[in-house]
Amino acid sequence: MSGKPDNIPTHHGQGEIKLSRYFVLYSTQIAWVALGVVLYWDAFWPSTCTPHNLWQVYGCSFRLPENGGWQEAGLLTWLWATPLLVLLDVARRFGKNKD
């Protein structure tokens, strides 16, 4: 007798996903995107680099901290963290072991 109930998964995070987990997951994703939108609206872009599309936003993002504001630094962090978070999630989903 191992003393561990049989209905508890041996790997954390591999159990059945219930409705509350979906709610928390999607609420967090909506809040993350909303944070990016708010930071984008409040950020002050340098006059020499005003982006008009997504590629220009990433190209000009390194010039955001020139103004020294926290919104600009936050937007720079948000812009470069978002693709990394998406790649990590995709890698986690495709990298699951088939037990």
Protein backbone atom coordinates (compact mmCIF):
# COMPACT_ATOMS: atom_id res chain seq x y z
CA MET A 1 0.00 0.00 0.00
CA SER A 2 1.56 3.25 -1.13
CA GLY A 3 -0.70 5.54 0.90
CA LYS A 4 -1.57 7.59 -2.19
CA PRO A 5 -5.12 7.60 -3.59
CA ASP A 6 -5.48 6.16 -7.10
CA ASN A 7 -7.53 9.05 -8.48
CA ILE A 8 -4.75 11.65 -8.13
CA PRO A 9 -2.65 12.07 -11.30
CA THR A 10 1.05 11.38 -10.92
CA HIS A 11 2.03 14.35 -13.08
CA HIS A 12 0.88 17.78 -12.00
CA GLY A 13 -0.89 19.71 -14.74
CA GLN A 14 -1.79 16.54 -16.65
CA GLY A 15 -5.17 15.98 -15.00
CA GLU A 16 -8.57 16.59 -16.47
CA ILE A 17 -9.18 20.25 -17.28
CA LYS A 18 -12.42 21.39 -15.75
CA LEU A 19 -14.50 24.47 -16.48
CA SER A 20 -12.84 26.60 -13.80
CA ARG A 21 -9.40 26.09 -15.37
CA TYR A 22 -10.71 27.18 -18.76
CA PHE A 23 -12.28 30.25 -17.16
CA VAL A 24 -9.03 31.21 -15.44
CA LEU A 25 -6.94 30.48 -18.55
CA TYR A 26 -9.06 32.53 -20.94
CA SER A 27 -9.66 35.33 -18.43
CA THR A 28 -5.92 35.66 -17.98
CA GLN A 29 -5.34 35.70 -21.74
CA ILE A 30 -8.00 38.40 -22.21
CA ALA A 31 -6.44 40.45 -19.39
CA TRP A 32 -2.97 40.06 -20.98
CA VAL A 33 -4.21 41.31 -24.36
CA ALA A 34 -6.13 44.15 -22.68
CA LEU A 35 -2.93 45.15 -20.85
CA GLY A 36 -1.11 45.32 -24.18
CA VAL A 37 -3.84 47.47 -25.72
CA VAL A 38 -3.83 49.88 -22.78
CA LEU A 39 -0.04 50.13 -22.84
CA TYR A 40 -0.08 50.71 -26.60
CA TRP A 41 -2.62 53.54 -26.28
CA ASP A 42 -0.77 55.23 -23.42
CA ALA A 43 2.78 54.82 -24.75
CA PHE A 44 4.55 57.78 -26.28
CA TRP A 45 6.37 56.79 -29.45
CA PRO A 46 9.45 58.81 -30.45
CA SER A 47 8.73 61.30 -33.24
CA THR A 48 11.36 59.70 -35.48
CA CYS A 49 9.65 56.32 -35.29
CA THR A 50 5.86 56.17 -35.44
CA PRO A 51 4.67 52.68 -36.38
CA HIS A 52 1.74 52.04 -38.70
CA ASN A 53 1.71 48.23 -38.79
CA LEU A 54 2.80 45.29 -36.64
CA TRP A 55 6.27 44.98 -38.19
CA GLN A 56 6.97 48.66 -37.60
CA VAL A 57 5.75 48.33 -34.00
CA TYR A 58 8.37 45.67 -33.32
CA GLY A 59 11.00 47.59 -35.27
CA CYS A 60 10.38 50.78 -33.30
CA SER A 61 9.90 49.06 -29.97
CA PHE A 62 13.57 49.33 -29.02
CA ARG A 63 13.26 53.11 -29.10
CA LEU A 64 10.36 53.17 -26.62
CA PRO A 65 12.49 53.50 -23.44
CA GLU A 66 14.11 56.70 -24.74
CA ASN A 67 11.30 58.68 -23.08
CA GLY A 68 11.84 57.04 -19.70
CA GLY A 69 8.17 56.36 -18.96
CA TRP A 70 6.91 53.19 -17.32
CA GLN A 71 4.24 52.70 -20.01
CA GLU A 72 6.88 52.59 -22.70
CA ALA A 73 9.06 50.16 -20.75
CA GLY A 74 5.99 48.04 -20.01
CA LEU A 75 4.96 48.01 -23.66
CA LEU A 76 8.48 46.99 -24.73
CA THR A 77 8.38 44.12 -22.24
CA TRP A 78 4.84 43.13 -23.26
CA LEU A 79 5.69 43.19 -26.98
CA TRP A 80 8.68 40.88 -26.64
CA ALA A 81 7.22 38.62 -23.93
CA THR A 82 4.02 37.83 -25.84
CA PRO A 83 5.59 35.89 -28.75
CA LEU A 84 7.80 34.01 -26.30
CA LEU A 85 4.79 33.04 -24.18
CA VAL A 86 2.91 31.88 -27.27
CA LEU A 87 5.89 29.80 -28.43
CA LEU A 88 6.25 28.25 -24.98
CA ASP A 89 2.57 27.30 -24.95
CA VAL A 90 2.75 25.80 -28.44
CA ALA A 91 5.90 23.86 -27.51
CA ARG A 92 4.22 22.60 -24.34
CA ARG A 93 1.17 21.39 -26.25
CA PHE A 94 3.12 19.67 -29.02
CA GLY A 95 5.81 18.32 -26.71
CA LYS A 96 3.52 16.23 -24.51
CA ASN A 97 4.57 12.62 -24.01
CA LYS A 98 2.11 9.98 -25.11
CA ASP A 99 1.93 7.79 -21.98
